[in-house]
Amino acid sequence: MDFIPEAAVAPILIFIGLEIMAQAFDATPKHHHKAVALAFIPLIAYLVLIQVNSFLQGGASKLTGELAHTYGALVTLSNGFILTSLLWASALACIIDKKLNKAAIFMGVAAFFSLFGIIHSPYDNGKLFLPFEVNFTTHFQFFGAYLLAAAFLVGMALSQPKKAS
């Protein structure tokens, strides 16, 4: 790495990222492209957070008001982005395929993971925690939202007409 100028690293990484994204779409059936696109949202939040942190140079604690709220949203969306992306894309692919109960399971897993900060940790460093040993409620909000989504999916699955055998 010492032989490659820093200015050359960013374009190389961008090219590699674009190639990976293109391969993700090429390797996925066309009807699942929306799920692939959804999977990129937490990753983009993580990339934006990296840039914001380099700009702030550790001064995030000085943010107030709407900026602090937006920064917190970026942190919670980006922490655990790999698992979040997998869960969201899997759930959406199942919804597209009308496998609503399976999609509900992915939402249930996301609910469980959000309780402990495995995904959506509100800490800047993404650390894990026990649900009742912290002084914030963000994880309960995510937990409730994911459970509500899971319940909605189960309800939709139950309301679908049964297939004739």
N, C-alpha and C. Protein backbone atom coordinates (compact mmCIF):
# COMPACT_ATOMS: atom_id res chain seq x y z
N MET A 1 0.82 -1.20 0.00
CA MET A 1 0.00 0.00 0.00
C MET A 1 0.86 1.27 0.00
N ASP A 2 2.08 1.18 0.49
CA ASP A 2 2.93 2.37 0.54
C ASP A 2 3.31 2.87 -0.85
N PHE A 3 3.24 2.00 -1.85
CA PHE A 3 3.65 2.38 -3.20
C PHE A 3 2.53 3.00 -4.01
N ILE A 4 1.28 2.87 -3.52
CA ILE A 4 0.14 3.43 -4.24
C ILE A 4 -0.22 4.78 -3.63
N PRO A 5 -0.23 5.83 -4.44
CA PRO A 5 -0.60 7.15 -3.90
C PRO A 5 -2.04 7.16 -3.40
N GLU A 6 -2.28 7.91 -2.31
CA GLU A 6 -3.61 7.98 -1.73
C GLU A 6 -4.65 8.45 -2.72
N ALA A 7 -4.29 9.37 -3.58
CA ALA A 7 -5.22 9.91 -4.56
C ALA A 7 -5.67 8.84 -5.55
N ALA A 8 -4.90 7.80 -5.72
CA ALA A 8 -5.26 6.72 -6.66
C ALA A 8 -6.14 5.65 -6.00
N VAL A 9 -6.12 5.59 -4.68
CA VAL A 9 -6.86 4.53 -3.99
C VAL A 9 -8.37 4.73 -4.12
N ALA A 10 -8.88 5.94 -3.92
CA ALA A 10 -10.32 6.20 -3.98
C ALA A 10 -10.92 5.80 -5.33
N PRO A 11 -10.36 6.23 -6.47
CA PRO A 11 -10.94 5.80 -7.75
C PRO A 11 -10.90 4.28 -7.94
N ILE A 12 -9.86 3.64 -7.45
CA ILE A 12 -9.76 2.19 -7.56
C ILE A 12 -10.88 1.54 -6.76
N LEU A 13 -11.09 2.02 -5.53
CA LEU A 13 -12.16 1.46 -4.68
C LEU A 13 -13.54 1.73 -5.28
N ILE A 14 -13.72 2.90 -5.86
CA ILE A 14 -15.01 3.21 -6.49
C ILE A 14 -15.24 2.27 -7.68
N PHE A 15 -14.21 2.06 -8.49
CA PHE A 15 -14.34 1.15 -9.63
C PHE A 15 -14.69 -0.26 -9.15
N ILE A 16 -13.99 -0.73 -8.13
CA ILE A 16 -14.25 -2.06 -7.59
C ILE A 16 -15.69 -2.14 -7.07
N GLY A 17 -16.12 -1.11 -6.36
CA GLY A 17 -17.49 -1.08 -5.84
C GLY A 17 -18.53 -1.11 -6.95
N LEU A 18 -18.29 -0.35 -8.01
CA LEU A 18 -19.22 -0.36 -9.14
C LEU A 18 -19.26 -1.72 -9.83
N GLU A 19 -18.10 -2.36 -9.93
CA GLU A 19 -18.03 -3.69 -10.55
C GLU A 19 -18.78 -4.72 -9.70
N ILE A 20 -18.62 -4.64 -8.39
CA ILE A 20 -19.35 -5.55 -7.50
C ILE A 20 -20.85 -5.33 -7.62
N MET A 21 -21.26 -4.05 -7.69
CA MET A 21 -22.67 -3.74 -7.82
C MET A 21 -23.21 -4.28 -9.15
N ALA A 22 -22.47 -4.10 -10.23
CA ALA A 22 -22.91 -4.61 -11.53
C ALA A 22 -23.04 -6.13 -11.50
N GLN A 23 -22.09 -6.79 -10.87
CA GLN A 23 -22.15 -8.25 -10.77
C GLN A 23 -23.34 -8.69 -9.93
N ALA A 24 -23.66 -7.93 -8.89
CA ALA A 24 -24.82 -8.27 -8.05
C ALA A 24 -26.10 -8.26 -8.89
N PHE A 25 -26.22 -7.27 -9.77
CA PHE A 25 -27.41 -7.22 -10.62
C PHE A 25 -27.37 -8.30 -11.70
N ASP A 26 -26.19 -8.57 -12.26
CA ASP A 26 -26.06 -9.60 -13.29
C ASP A 26 -26.38 -10.99 -12.75
N ALA A 27 -25.98 -11.26 -11.52
CA ALA A 27 -26.14 -12.60 -10.94
C ALA A 27 -27.52 -12.82 -10.33
N THR A 28 -28.34 -11.80 -10.33
CA THR A 28 -29.66 -11.87 -9.69
C THR A 28 -30.75 -11.86 -10.74
N PRO A 29 -31.78 -12.69 -10.57
CA PRO A 29 -32.90 -12.63 -11.51
C PRO A 29 -33.51 -11.23 -11.55
N LYS A 30 -33.94 -10.82 -12.73
CA LYS A 30 -34.43 -9.46 -12.93
C LYS A 30 -35.55 -9.09 -11.95
N HIS A 31 -36.42 -10.02 -11.62
CA HIS A 31 -37.53 -9.67 -10.74
C HIS A 31 -37.07 -9.41 -9.29
N HIS A 32 -35.82 -9.73 -8.97
CA HIS A 32 -35.28 -9.45 -7.63
C HIS A 32 -34.36 -8.22 -7.60
N HIS A 33 -34.28 -7.49 -8.69
CA HIS A 33 -33.40 -6.31 -8.73
C HIS A 33 -33.77 -5.27 -7.67
N LYS A 34 -35.06 -5.15 -7.35
CA LYS A 34 -35.47 -4.20 -6.31
C LYS A 34 -34.87 -4.58 -4.96
N ALA A 35 -34.78 -5.87 -4.70
CA ALA A 35 -34.18 -6.34 -3.44
C ALA A 35 -32.69 -6.02 -3.40
N VAL A 36 -32.03 -6.18 -4.53
CA VAL A 36 -30.59 -5.84 -4.60
C VAL A 36 -30.40 -4.35 -4.35
N ALA A 37 -31.24 -3.54 -4.98
CA ALA A 37 -31.14 -2.08 -4.79
C ALA A 37 -31.39 -1.70 -3.33
N LEU A 38 -32.38 -2.32 -2.69
CA LEU A 38 -32.67 -2.05 -1.29
C LEU A 38 -31.47 -2.40 -0.40
N ALA A 39 -30.76 -3.45 -0.76
CA ALA A 39 -29.61 -3.89 0.05
C ALA A 39 -28.50 -2.85 0.08
N PHE A 40 -28.47 -1.96 -0.89
CA PHE A 40 -27.40 -0.96 -0.93
C PHE A 40 -27.65 0.23 0.00
N ILE A 41 -28.88 0.41 0.49
CA ILE A 41 -29.19 1.59 1.30
C ILE A 41 -28.37 1.64 2.60
N PRO A 42 -28.32 0.57 3.41
CA PRO A 42 -27.49 0.66 4.62
C PRO A 42 -26.00 0.85 4.31
N LEU A 43 -25.53 0.28 3.21
CA LEU A 43 -24.14 0.46 2.81
C LEU A 43 -23.87 1.91 2.45
N ILE A 44 -24.78 2.52 1.72
CA ILE A 44 -24.62 3.94 1.36
C ILE A 44 -24.62 4.80 2.61
N ALA A 45 -25.47 4.47 3.58
CA ALA A 45 -25.47 5.21 4.85
C ALA A 45 -24.12 5.08 5.53
N TYR A 46 -23.53 3.89 5.49
CA TYR A 46 -22.22 3.68 6.10
C TYR A 46 -21.15 4.51 5.39
N LEU A 47 -21.19 4.53 4.07
CA LEU A 47 -20.21 5.32 3.31
C LEU A 47 -20.37 6.81 3.59
N VAL A 48 -21.61 7.28 3.67
CA VAL A 48 -21.85 8.69 3.99
C VAL A 48 -21.33 8.99 5.40
N LEU A 49 -21.55 8.06 6.33
CA LEU A 49 -21.09 8.26 7.71
C LEU A 49 -19.57 8.36 7.77
N ILE A 50 -18.88 7.55 6.98
CA ILE A 50 -17.41 7.64 6.93
C ILE A 50 -16.99 9.04 6.50
N GLN A 51 -17.63 9.57 5.46
CA GLN A 51 -17.29 10.90 4.98
C GLN A 51 -17.64 11.98 6.00
N VAL A 52 -18.79 11.86 6.63
CA VAL A 52 -19.21 12.84 7.64
C VAL A 52 -18.24 12.82 8.81
N ASN A 53 -17.85 11.62 9.25
CA ASN A 53 -16.90 11.51 10.37
C ASN A 53 -15.54 12.10 10.03
N SER A 54 -15.10 11.91 8.79
CA SER A 54 -13.81 12.50 8.41
C SER A 54 -13.90 14.02 8.37
N PHE A 55 -15.07 14.53 7.99
CA PHE A 55 -15.28 15.97 7.98
C PHE A 55 -15.36 16.53 9.40
N LEU A 56 -16.06 15.80 10.29
CA LEU A 56 -16.24 16.27 11.66
C LEU A 56 -14.99 16.06 12.51
N GLN A 57 -14.15 15.13 12.13
CA GLN A 57 -12.92 14.78 12.86
C GLN A 57 -13.19 14.58 14.35
N GLY A 58 -14.16 13.70 14.63
CA GLY A 58 -14.47 13.37 16.02
C GLY A 58 -15.32 14.39 16.74
N GLY A 59 -15.80 15.38 16.03
CA GLY A 59 -16.59 16.43 16.66
C GLY A 59 -18.09 16.20 16.61
N ALA A 60 -18.52 14.96 16.42
CA ALA A 60 -19.95 14.65 16.31
C ALA A 60 -20.69 14.98 17.60
N SER A 61 -20.02 14.92 18.74
CA SER A 61 -20.68 15.20 20.01
C SER A 61 -21.10 16.67 20.13
N LYS A 62 -20.54 17.52 19.29
CA LYS A 62 -20.88 18.95 19.34
C LYS A 62 -22.09 19.29 18.47
N LEU A 63 -22.60 18.33 17.72
CA LEU A 63 -23.76 18.59 16.87
C LEU A 63 -25.01 18.78 17.73
N THR A 64 -25.90 19.65 17.28
CA THR A 64 -27.13 19.90 18.02
C THR A 64 -28.31 19.92 17.05
N GLY A 65 -29.49 19.80 17.62
CA GLY A 65 -30.72 19.94 16.85
C GLY A 65 -30.87 18.92 15.74
N GLU A 66 -31.31 19.41 14.58
CA GLU A 66 -31.60 18.56 13.43
C GLU A 66 -30.34 17.85 12.93
N LEU A 67 -29.20 18.52 12.99
CA LEU A 67 -27.94 17.87 12.56
C LEU A 67 -27.61 16.68 13.45
N ALA A 68 -27.79 16.82 14.73
CA ALA A 68 -27.52 15.71 15.65
C ALA A 68 -28.49 14.56 15.39
N HIS A 69 -29.74 14.89 15.12
CA HIS A 69 -30.76 13.87 14.83
C HIS A 69 -30.40 13.12 13.53
N THR A 70 -30.02 13.87 12.50
CA THR A 70 -29.65 13.26 11.22
C THR A 70 -28.41 12.40 11.38
N TYR A 71 -27.44 12.88 12.13
CA TYR A 71 -26.23 12.10 12.38
C TYR A 71 -26.58 10.79 13.11
N GLY A 72 -27.45 10.88 14.10
CA GLY A 72 -27.87 9.68 14.83
C GLY A 72 -28.58 8.69 13.93
N ALA A 73 -29.39 9.19 13.01
CA ALA A 73 -30.08 8.31 12.05
C ALA A 73 -29.08 7.61 11.15
N LEU A 74 -28.05 8.33 10.71
CA LEU A 74 -27.00 7.72 9.89
C LEU A 74 -26.27 6.62 10.66
N VAL A 75 -25.98 6.90 11.92
CA VAL A 75 -25.28 5.91 12.76
C VAL A 75 -26.12 4.65 12.91
N THR A 76 -27.39 4.81 13.28
CA THR A 76 -28.22 3.62 13.52
C THR A 76 -28.51 2.85 12.24
N LEU A 77 -28.64 3.55 11.12
CA LEU A 77 -28.89 2.85 9.86
C LEU A 77 -27.64 2.12 9.38
N SER A 78 -26.47 2.69 9.62
CA SER A 78 -25.24 2.10 9.08
C SER A 78 -24.64 1.02 9.97
N ASN A 79 -24.87 1.06 11.27
CA ASN A 79 -24.29 0.04 12.14
C ASN A 79 -24.94 -1.32 11.87
N GLY A 80 -24.11 -2.29 11.60
CA GLY A 80 -24.60 -3.62 11.24
C GLY A 80 -25.11 -3.67 9.82
N PHE A 81 -24.56 -2.81 8.94
CA PHE A 81 -25.12 -2.66 7.60
C PHE A 81 -25.09 -3.95 6.77
N ILE A 82 -24.14 -4.82 7.01
CA ILE A 82 -24.08 -6.05 6.22
C ILE A 82 -25.28 -6.94 6.54
N LEU A 83 -25.54 -7.15 7.84
CA LEU A 83 -26.69 -7.96 8.22
C LEU A 83 -28.00 -7.28 7.87
N THR A 84 -28.07 -5.98 8.07
CA THR A 84 -29.28 -5.24 7.71
C THR A 84 -29.58 -5.41 6.23
N SER A 85 -28.56 -5.25 5.40
CA SER A 85 -28.73 -5.41 3.95
C SER A 85 -29.23 -6.80 3.60
N LEU A 86 -28.62 -7.81 4.22
CA LEU A 86 -29.04 -9.19 3.94
C LEU A 86 -30.49 -9.43 4.35
N LEU A 87 -30.85 -8.95 5.53
CA LEU A 87 -32.21 -9.17 6.02
C LEU A 87 -33.24 -8.43 5.18
N TRP A 88 -32.97 -7.17 4.87
CA TRP A 88 -33.90 -6.39 4.06
C TRP A 88 -34.07 -6.99 2.67
N ALA A 89 -32.95 -7.32 2.02
CA ALA A 89 -33.02 -7.86 0.66
C ALA A 89 -33.72 -9.22 0.66
N SER A 90 -33.42 -10.04 1.65
CA SER A 90 -34.07 -11.36 1.73
C SER A 90 -35.56 -11.22 1.93
N ALA A 91 -35.96 -10.33 2.82
CA ALA A 91 -37.39 -10.11 3.06
C ALA A 91 -38.08 -9.61 1.80
N LEU A 92 -37.47 -8.64 1.12
CA LEU A 92 -38.10 -8.11 -0.09
C LEU A 92 -38.16 -9.16 -1.20
N ALA A 93 -37.12 -9.96 -1.34
CA ALA A 93 -37.15 -11.04 -2.34
C ALA A 93 -38.28 -12.02 -2.04
N CYS A 94 -38.47 -12.33 -0.77
CA CYS A 94 -39.57 -13.22 -0.38
C CYS A 94 -40.93 -12.58 -0.65
N ILE A 95 -41.05 -11.29 -0.40
CA ILE A 95 -42.30 -10.59 -0.68
C ILE A 95 -42.59 -10.62 -2.18
N ILE A 96 -41.55 -10.36 -2.98
CA ILE A 96 -41.71 -10.40 -4.44
C ILE A 96 -42.17 -11.78 -4.89
N ASP A 97 -41.64 -12.82 -4.25
CA ASP A 97 -42.00 -14.20 -4.60
C ASP A 97 -43.27 -14.68 -3.90
N LYS A 98 -43.92 -13.78 -3.18
CA LYS A 98 -45.16 -14.07 -2.44
C LYS A 98 -44.97 -15.13 -1.36
N LYS A 99 -43.78 -15.15 -0.77
CA LYS A 99 -43.48 -16.03 0.37
C LYS A 99 -43.50 -15.15 1.63
N LEU A 100 -44.69 -14.71 1.99
CA LEU A 100 -44.85 -13.70 3.02
C LEU A 100 -44.48 -14.20 4.41
N ASN A 101 -44.77 -15.45 4.72
CA ASN A 101 -44.38 -15.99 6.03
C ASN A 101 -42.86 -16.03 6.18
N LYS A 102 -42.18 -16.38 5.12
CA LYS A 102 -40.71 -16.41 5.15
C LYS A 102 -40.17 -14.98 5.32
N ALA A 103 -40.77 -14.02 4.64
CA ALA A 103 -40.38 -12.61 4.79
C ALA A 103 -40.59 -12.16 6.23
N ALA A 104 -41.68 -12.62 6.85
CA ALA A 104 -41.97 -12.27 8.24
C ALA A 104 -40.88 -12.82 9.17
N ILE A 105 -40.36 -13.98 8.84
CA ILE A 105 -39.26 -14.53 9.66
C ILE A 105 -38.04 -13.64 9.58
N PHE A 106 -37.71 -13.15 8.39
CA PHE A 106 -36.57 -12.24 8.25
C PHE A 106 -36.79 -10.96 9.07
N MET A 107 -38.02 -10.45 9.07
CA MET A 107 -38.32 -9.26 9.86
C MET A 107 -38.23 -9.57 11.36
N GLY A 108 -38.65 -10.77 11.77
CA GLY A 108 -38.52 -11.18 13.16
C GLY A 108 -37.07 -11.27 13.60
N VAL A 109 -36.23 -11.80 12.73
CA VAL A 109 -34.79 -11.86 13.03
C VAL A 109 -34.23 -10.45 13.15
N ALA A 110 -34.63 -9.57 12.25
CA ALA A 110 -34.18 -8.17 12.33
C ALA A 110 -34.63 -7.53 13.65
N ALA A 111 -35.85 -7.83 14.07
CA ALA A 111 -36.35 -7.29 15.35
C ALA A 111 -35.45 -7.75 16.49
N PHE A 112 -35.16 -9.05 16.53
CA PHE A 112 -34.31 -9.60 17.59
C PHE A 112 -32.92 -8.96 17.57
N PHE A 113 -32.33 -8.88 16.39
CA PHE A 113 -30.98 -8.30 16.26
C PHE A 113 -30.96 -6.83 16.70
N SER A 114 -32.03 -6.09 16.42
CA SER A 114 -32.05 -4.67 16.78
C SER A 114 -32.14 -4.46 18.29
N LEU A 115 -32.66 -5.44 19.01
CA LEU A 115 -32.75 -5.31 20.47
C LEU A 115 -31.38 -5.24 21.14
N PHE A 116 -30.38 -5.84 20.52
CA PHE A 116 -29.06 -5.93 21.13
C PHE A 116 -28.01 -5.09 20.41
N GLY A 117 -28.42 -4.36 19.38
CA GLY A 117 -27.48 -3.53 18.64
C GLY A 117 -26.68 -4.30 17.60
N ILE A 118 -27.07 -5.55 17.33
CA ILE A 118 -26.39 -6.30 16.28
C ILE A 118 -26.61 -5.57 14.96
N ILE A 119 -27.81 -5.05 14.78
CA ILE A 119 -28.08 -4.08 13.71
C ILE A 119 -28.68 -2.85 14.38
N HIS A 120 -28.44 -1.71 13.80
CA HIS A 120 -28.98 -0.43 14.26
C HIS A 120 -28.50 -0.01 15.66
N SER A 121 -27.27 -0.34 16.00
CA SER A 121 -26.74 0.15 17.28
C SER A 121 -26.64 1.67 17.23
N PRO A 122 -27.12 2.37 18.24
CA PRO A 122 -27.04 3.83 18.24
C PRO A 122 -25.68 4.37 18.68
N TYR A 123 -24.78 3.49 19.06
CA TYR A 123 -23.45 3.92 19.47
C TYR A 123 -22.58 4.20 18.25
N ASP A 124 -21.76 5.25 18.33
CA ASP A 124 -20.87 5.59 17.23
C ASP A 124 -19.96 4.44 16.83
N ASN A 125 -19.52 3.66 17.82
CA ASN A 125 -18.61 2.54 17.54
C ASN A 125 -19.37 1.24 17.25
N GLY A 126 -20.69 1.26 17.25
CA GLY A 126 -21.50 0.10 16.91
C GLY A 126 -21.51 -0.99 17.96
N LYS A 127 -21.16 -0.65 19.20
CA LYS A 127 -21.07 -1.69 20.23
C LYS A 127 -22.43 -2.30 20.55
N LEU A 128 -22.39 -3.55 21.00
CA LEU A 128 -23.59 -4.28 21.39
C LEU A 128 -23.98 -3.92 22.81
N PHE A 129 -25.22 -4.26 23.20
CA PHE A 129 -25.72 -3.92 24.52
C PHE A 129 -26.85 -4.87 24.88
N LEU A 130 -27.23 -4.87 26.15
CA LEU A 130 -28.41 -5.59 26.60
C LEU A 130 -29.58 -4.61 26.63
N PRO A 131 -30.76 -5.03 26.20
CA PRO A 131 -31.87 -4.09 25.98
C PRO A 131 -32.25 -3.20 27.17
N PHE A 132 -32.23 -3.73 28.40
CA PHE A 132 -32.69 -2.94 29.53
C PHE A 132 -31.56 -2.30 30.33
N GLU A 133 -30.35 -2.37 29.80
CA GLU A 133 -29.21 -1.80 30.51
C GLU A 133 -28.66 -0.54 29.84
N VAL A 134 -29.46 0.09 28.99
CA VAL A 134 -29.05 1.32 28.33
C VAL A 134 -30.09 2.40 28.59
N ASN A 135 -29.70 3.65 28.41
CA ASN A 135 -30.61 4.76 28.73
C ASN A 135 -31.22 5.40 27.48
N PHE A 136 -31.47 4.61 26.46
CA PHE A 136 -32.15 5.11 25.27
C PHE A 136 -33.18 4.08 24.83
N THR A 137 -34.06 4.47 23.92
CA THR A 137 -35.15 3.57 23.50
C THR A 137 -35.15 3.29 22.01
N THR A 138 -34.14 3.75 21.31
CA THR A 138 -34.09 3.56 19.85
C THR A 138 -34.25 2.10 19.47
N HIS A 139 -33.59 1.22 20.22
CA HIS A 139 -33.65 -0.21 19.88
C HIS A 139 -35.06 -0.76 20.05
N PHE A 140 -35.82 -0.25 21.00
CA PHE A 140 -37.21 -0.70 21.15
C PHE A 140 -38.08 -0.20 19.99
N GLN A 141 -37.76 0.98 19.48
CA GLN A 141 -38.50 1.50 18.33
C GLN A 141 -38.25 0.64 17.10
N PHE A 142 -37.00 0.28 16.85
CA PHE A 142 -36.69 -0.61 15.73
C PHE A 142 -37.33 -1.98 15.94
N PHE A 143 -37.23 -2.50 17.16
CA PHE A 143 -37.82 -3.79 17.49
C PHE A 143 -39.32 -3.79 17.18
N GLY A 144 -40.00 -2.74 17.64
CA GLY A 144 -41.44 -2.63 17.39
C GLY A 144 -41.76 -2.50 15.91
N ALA A 145 -40.99 -1.72 15.20
CA ALA A 145 -41.24 -1.54 13.76
C ALA A 145 -41.06 -2.85 13.01
N TYR A 146 -39.99 -3.57 13.32
CA TYR A 146 -39.77 -4.85 12.64
C TYR A 146 -40.85 -5.87 13.01
N LEU A 147 -41.26 -5.90 14.28
CA LEU A 147 -42.34 -6.82 14.67
C LEU A 147 -43.65 -6.45 14.00
N LEU A 148 -43.92 -5.16 13.88
CA LEU A 148 -45.12 -4.71 13.19
C LEU A 148 -45.08 -5.15 11.72
N ALA A 149 -43.92 -5.00 11.09
CA ALA A 149 -43.77 -5.45 9.69
C ALA A 149 -43.99 -6.96 9.59
N ALA A 150 -43.43 -7.72 10.54
CA ALA A 150 -43.60 -9.18 10.54
C ALA A 150 -45.06 -9.55 10.71
N ALA A 151 -45.74 -8.88 11.65
CA ALA A 151 -47.17 -9.16 11.87
C ALA A 151 -47.99 -8.81 10.64
N PHE A 152 -47.68 -7.70 10.00
CA PHE A 152 -48.37 -7.32 8.78
C PHE A 152 -48.19 -8.38 7.69
N LEU A 153 -46.95 -8.87 7.55
CA LEU A 153 -46.68 -9.90 6.53
C LEU A 153 -47.43 -11.19 6.83
N VAL A 154 -47.48 -11.59 8.10
CA VAL A 154 -48.23 -12.79 8.48
C VAL A 154 -49.71 -12.58 8.19
N GLY A 155 -50.22 -11.40 8.53
CA GLY A 155 -51.62 -11.09 8.24
C GLY A 155 -51.92 -11.14 6.75
N MET A 156 -51.01 -10.61 5.95
CA MET A 156 -51.19 -10.67 4.50
C MET A 156 -51.15 -12.10 4.00
N ALA A 157 -50.26 -12.91 4.56
CA ALA A 157 -50.17 -14.32 4.16
C ALA A 157 -51.46 -15.06 4.50
N LEU A 158 -52.03 -14.77 5.66
CA LEU A 158 -53.27 -15.43 6.07
C LEU A 158 -54.46 -14.99 5.21
N SER A 159 -54.40 -13.77 4.69
CA SER A 159 -55.52 -13.26 3.90
C SER A 159 -55.46 -13.69 2.42
N GLN A 160 -54.34 -14.28 2.01
CA GLN A 160 -54.23 -14.74 0.63
C GLN A 160 -55.09 -15.96 0.41
N PRO A 161 -55.71 -16.06 -0.75
CA PRO A 161 -56.51 -17.26 -1.02
C PRO A 161 -55.62 -18.49 -1.10
N LYS A 162 -56.13 -19.59 -0.59
CA LYS A 162 -55.37 -20.85 -0.60
C LYS A 162 -55.32 -21.39 -2.02
N LYS A 163 -54.15 -21.98 -2.36
CA LYS A 163 -53.97 -22.57 -3.68
C LYS A 163 -54.68 -23.92 -3.72
N ALA A 164 -55.36 -24.17 -4.82
CA ALA A 164 -56.03 -25.47 -5.00
C ALA A 164 -55.01 -26.53 -5.33
N SER A 165 -55.08 -27.66 -4.66
CA SER A 165 -54.12 -28.74 -4.89
C SER A 165 -54.55 -29.64 -6.02
